[in-house]
PDB file of N, CA and C in Angstrom:
ATOM      1  N   MET A   1       0.835  -1.192   0.000  1.00  0.00           N
ATOM      2  CA  MET A   1       0.000   0.000   0.000  1.00  0.00           C
ATOM      3  C   MET A   1       0.877   1.253   0.000  1.00  0.00           C
ATOM      4  N   ALA A   2       0.435   2.233  -0.730  1.00  0.00           N
ATOM      5  CA  ALA A   2       1.180   3.482  -0.794  1.00  0.00           C
ATOM      6  C   ALA A   2       0.810   4.352   0.401  1.00  0.00           C
ATOM      7  N   ALA A   3       1.796   5.061   0.897  1.00  0.00           N
ATOM      8  CA  ALA A   3       1.549   5.955   2.025  1.00  0.00           C
ATOM      9  C   ALA A   3       0.778   7.176   1.533  1.00  0.00           C
ATOM     10  N   GLU A   4      -0.273   7.504   2.256  1.00  0.00           N
ATOM     11  CA  GLU A   4      -1.063   8.675   1.865  1.00  0.00           C
ATOM     12  C   GLU A   4      -0.497   9.924   2.530  1.00  0.00           C
ATOM     13  N   THR A   5      -0.396  10.955   1.767  1.00  0.00           N
ATOM     14  CA  THR A   5       0.085  12.223   2.313  1.00  0.00           C
ATOM     15  C   THR A   5      -1.052  13.228   2.294  1.00  0.00           C
ATOM     16  N   VAL A   6      -1.105  14.023   3.321  1.00  0.00           N
ATOM     17  CA  VAL A   6      -2.133  15.050   3.408  1.00  0.00           C
ATOM     18  C   VAL A   6      -1.513  16.363   2.965  1.00  0.00           C
ATOM     19  N   VAL A   7      -2.111  16.965   1.976  1.00  0.00           N
ATOM     20  CA  VAL A   7      -1.615  18.237   1.464  1.00  0.00           C
ATOM     21  C   VAL A   7      -2.579  19.316   1.923  1.00  0.00           C
ATOM     22  N   ARG A   8      -2.041  20.263   2.670  1.00  0.00           N
ATOM     23  CA  ARG A   8      -2.862  21.378   3.141  1.00  0.00           C
ATOM     24  C   ARG A   8      -2.611  22.574   2.244  1.00  0.00           C
ATOM     25  N   ARG A   9      -3.672  23.073   1.670  1.00  0.00           N
ATOM     26  CA  ARG A   9      -3.533  24.242   0.803  1.00  0.00           C
ATOM     27  C   ARG A   9      -4.035  25.461   1.541  1.00  0.00           C
ATOM     28  N   VAL A  10      -3.198  26.479   1.555  1.00  0.00           N
ATOM     29  CA  VAL A  10      -3.552  27.726   2.224  1.00  0.00           C
ATOM     30  C   VAL A  10      -3.741  28.780   1.156  1.00  0.00           C
ATOM     31  N   ARG A  11      -4.906  29.366   1.159  1.00  0.00           N
ATOM     32  CA  ARG A  11      -5.191  30.412   0.170  1.00  0.00           C
ATOM     33  C   ARG A  11      -4.852  31.764   0.783  1.00  0.00           C
ATOM     34  N   HIS A  12      -3.948  32.457   0.148  1.00  0.00           N
ATOM     35  CA  HIS A  12      -3.541  33.771   0.648  1.00  0.00           C
ATOM     36  C   HIS A  12      -4.360  34.841  -0.070  1.00  0.00           C
ATOM     37  N   THR A  13      -5.366  35.325   0.602  1.00  0.00           N
ATOM     38  CA  THR A  13      -6.197  36.359   0.001  1.00  0.00           C
ATOM     39  C   THR A  13      -6.328  37.511   0.978  1.00  0.00           C
ATOM     40  N   ALA A  14      -6.581  38.673   0.443  1.00  0.00           N
ATOM     41  CA  ALA A  14      -6.788  39.849   1.278  1.00  0.00           C
ATOM     42  C   ALA A  14      -8.137  39.713   1.973  1.00  0.00           C
ATOM     43  N   PRO A  15      -8.239  40.188   3.205  1.00  0.00           N
ATOM     44  CA  PRO A  15      -9.528  40.124   3.890  1.00  0.00           C
ATOM     45  C   PRO A  15     -10.553  40.985   3.165  1.00  0.00           C
ATOM     46  N   ARG A  16     -11.774  40.526   3.193  1.00  0.00           N
ATOM     47  CA  ARG A  16     -12.831  41.279   2.521  1.00  0.00           C
ATOM     48  C   ARG A  16     -13.144  42.545   3.287  1.00  0.00           C
ATOM     49  N   ARG A  17     -13.422  43.605   2.542  1.00  0.00           N
ATOM     50  CA  ARG A  17     -13.754  44.871   3.182  1.00  0.00           C
ATOM     51  C   ARG A  17     -15.206  44.844   3.614  1.00  0.00           C
ATOM     52  N   THR A  18     -15.440  45.316   4.799  1.00  0.00           N
ATOM     53  CA  THR A  18     -16.805  45.394   5.296  1.00  0.00           C
ATOM     54  C   THR A  18     -17.354  46.785   5.048  1.00  0.00           C
ATOM     55  N   ASP A  19     -18.647  46.929   5.201  1.00  0.00           N
ATOM     56  CA  ASP A  19     -19.269  48.242   5.015  1.00  0.00           C
ATOM     57  C   ASP A  19     -18.717  49.246   6.016  1.00  0.00           C
ATOM     58  N   THR A  20     -18.460  48.785   7.245  1.00  0.00           N
ATOM     59  CA  THR A  20     -17.956  49.723   8.254  1.00  0.00           C
ATOM     60  C   THR A  20     -16.554  50.188   7.886  1.00  0.00           C
ATOM     61  N   ASP A  21     -15.759  49.297   7.291  1.00  0.00           N
ATOM     62  CA  ASP A  21     -14.416  49.681   6.876  1.00  0.00           C
ATOM     63  C   ASP A  21     -14.494  50.727   5.770  1.00  0.00           C
ATOM     64  N   THR A  22     -15.403  50.524   4.832  1.00  0.00           N
ATOM     65  CA  THR A  22     -15.573  51.492   3.741  1.00  0.00           C
ATOM     66  C   THR A  22     -16.061  52.820   4.287  1.00  0.00           C
ATOM     67  N   GLU A  23     -17.009  52.771   5.206  1.00  0.00           N
ATOM     68  CA  GLU A  23     -17.515  54.010   5.800  1.00  0.00           C
ATOM     69  C   GLU A  23     -16.418  54.738   6.560  1.00  0.00           C
ATOM     70  N   ARG A  24     -15.593  53.984   7.261  1.00  0.00           N
ATOM     71  CA  ARG A  24     -14.499  54.598   8.012  1.00  0.00           C
ATOM     72  C   ARG A  24     -13.514  55.273   7.063  1.00  0.00           C
ATOM     73  N   ARG A  25     -13.204  54.614   5.952  1.00  0.00           N
ATOM     74  CA  ARG A  25     -12.293  55.217   4.971  1.00  0.00           C
ATOM     75  C   ARG A  25     -12.890  56.471   4.359  1.00  0.00           C
ATOM     76  N   ASN A  26     -14.179  56.435   4.050  1.00  0.00           N
ATOM     77  CA  ASN A  26     -14.832  57.614   3.482  1.00  0.00           C
ATOM     78  C   ASN A  26     -14.845  58.760   4.481  1.00  0.00           C
ATOM     79  N   ALA A  27     -15.097  58.462   5.740  1.00  0.00           N
ATOM     80  CA  ALA A  27     -15.113  59.504   6.768  1.00  0.00           C
ATOM     81  C   ALA A  27     -13.719  60.096   6.942  1.00  0.00           C
ATOM     82  N   ALA A  28     -12.703  59.248   6.917  1.00  0.00           N
ATOM     83  CA  ALA A  28     -11.334  59.742   7.055  1.00  0.00           C
ATOM     84  C   ALA A  28     -10.954  60.626   5.877  1.00  0.00           C
ATOM     85  N   ALA A  29     -11.380  60.249   4.683  1.00  0.00           N
ATOM     86  CA  ALA A  29     -11.079  61.058   3.502  1.00  0.00           C
ATOM     87  C   ALA A  29     -11.797  62.402   3.573  1.00  0.00           C
ATOM     88  N   ALA A  30     -13.048  62.399   4.028  1.00  0.00           N
ATOM     89  CA  ALA A  30     -13.803  63.649   4.149  1.00  0.00           C
ATOM     90  C   ALA A  30     -13.168  64.570   5.188  1.00  0.00           C
ATOM     91  N   LEU A  31     -12.729  63.989   6.290  1.00  0.00           N
ATOM     92  CA  LEU A  31     -12.070  64.780   7.323  1.00  0.00           C
ATOM     93  C   LEU A  31     -10.780  65.391   6.790  1.00  0.00           C
ATOM     94  N   GLN A  32     -10.022  64.604   6.041  1.00  0.00           N
ATOM     95  CA  GLN A  32      -8.769  65.115   5.486  1.00  0.00           C
ATOM     96  C   GLN A  32      -9.031  66.261   4.514  1.00  0.00           C
ATOM     97  N   ARG A  33     -10.074  66.134   3.689  1.00  0.00           N
ATOM     98  CA  ARG A  33     -10.416  67.220   2.763  1.00  0.00           C
ATOM     99  C   ARG A  33     -10.792  68.484   3.524  1.00  0.00           C
ATOM    100  N   ALA A  34     -11.557  68.320   4.606  1.00  0.00           N
ATOM    101  CA  ALA A  34     -11.952  69.483   5.407  1.00  0.00           C
ATOM    102  C   ALA A  34     -10.732  70.148   6.032  1.00  0.00           C
ATOM    103  N   LEU A  35      -9.807  69.351   6.536  1.00  0.00           N
ATOM    104  CA  LEU A  35      -8.596  69.919   7.124  1.00  0.00           C
ATOM    105  C   LEU A  35      -7.741  70.596   6.062  1.00  0.00           C
ATOM    106  N   ASP A  36      -7.694  70.018   4.865  1.00  0.00           N
ATOM    107  CA  ASP A  36      -6.923  70.628   3.787  1.00  0.00           C
ATOM    108  C   ASP A  36      -7.512  71.977   3.400  1.00  0.00           C
ATOM    109  N   ARG A  37      -8.824  72.093   3.428  1.00  0.00           N
ATOM    110  CA  ARG A  37      -9.451  73.374   3.103  1.00  0.00           C
ATOM    111  C   ARG A  37      -9.113  74.428   4.148  1.00  0.00           C
ATOM    112  N   ARG A  38      -9.029  74.027   5.420  1.00  0.00           N
ATOM    113  CA  ARG A  38      -8.731  74.982   6.486  1.00  0.00           C
ATOM    114  C   ARG A  38      -7.291  75.457   6.422  1.00  0.00           C
ATOM    115  N   ASP A  39      -6.389  74.569   5.999  1.00  0.00           N
ATOM    116  CA  ASP A  39      -4.977  74.924   5.956  1.00  0.00           C
ATOM    117  C   ASP A  39      -4.699  75.622   4.633  1.00  0.00           C
ATOM    118  N   ASN A  40      -4.858  76.946   4.620  1.00  0.00           N
ATOM    119  CA  ASN A  40      -4.791  77.653   3.348  1.00  0.00           C
ATOM    120  C   ASN A  40      -3.654  78.675   3.315  1.00  0.00           C
ATOM    121  N   GLY A  41      -2.537  78.320   3.830  1.00  0.00           N
ATOM    122  CA  GLY A  41      -1.379  79.182   3.623  1.00  0.00           C
ATOM    123  C   GLY A  41      -0.795  79.831   4.860  1.00  0.00           C
ATOM    124  N   GLY A  42      -0.991  79.288   6.018  1.00  0.00           N
ATOM    125  CA  GLY A  42      -0.347  79.801   7.201  1.00  0.00           C
ATOM    126  C   GLY A  42      -1.040  81.006   7.808  1.00  0.00           C
ATOM    127  N   ALA A  43      -0.247  81.935   8.372  1.00  0.00           N
ATOM    128  CA  ALA A  43      -0.783  83.044   9.143  1.00  0.00           C
ATOM    129  C   ALA A  43      -1.590  84.017   8.301  1.00  0.00           C
ATOM    130  N   THR A  44      -1.117  84.269   7.069  1.00  0.00           N
ATOM    131  CA  THR A  44      -1.826  85.248   6.242  1.00  0.00           C
ATOM    132  C   THR A  44      -3.071  84.648   5.609  1.00  0.00           C
ATOM    133  N   GLY A  45      -2.939  83.461   5.020  1.00  0.00           N
ATOM    134  CA  GLY A  45      -4.094  82.814   4.405  1.00  0.00           C
ATOM    135  C   GLY A  45      -4.670  83.606   3.267  1.00  0.00           C
ATOM    136  N   HIS A  46      -5.760  83.118   2.704  1.00  0.00           N
ATOM    137  CA  HIS A  46      -6.488  83.843   1.652  1.00  0.00           C
ATOM    138  C   HIS A  46      -7.946  83.797   2.038  1.00  0.00           C
TER     139      HIS A  46
END
């Protein structure tokens, strides 16, 4: 009888994004845009 070998296959995939993760990214991007608008050139500004 031939010796049986067990082959374990591991699938390397990126974790799926959840809705909360997408919402968090969108909120972070919106916050960054708001901060970028406020930072308009230092003390003098426009």
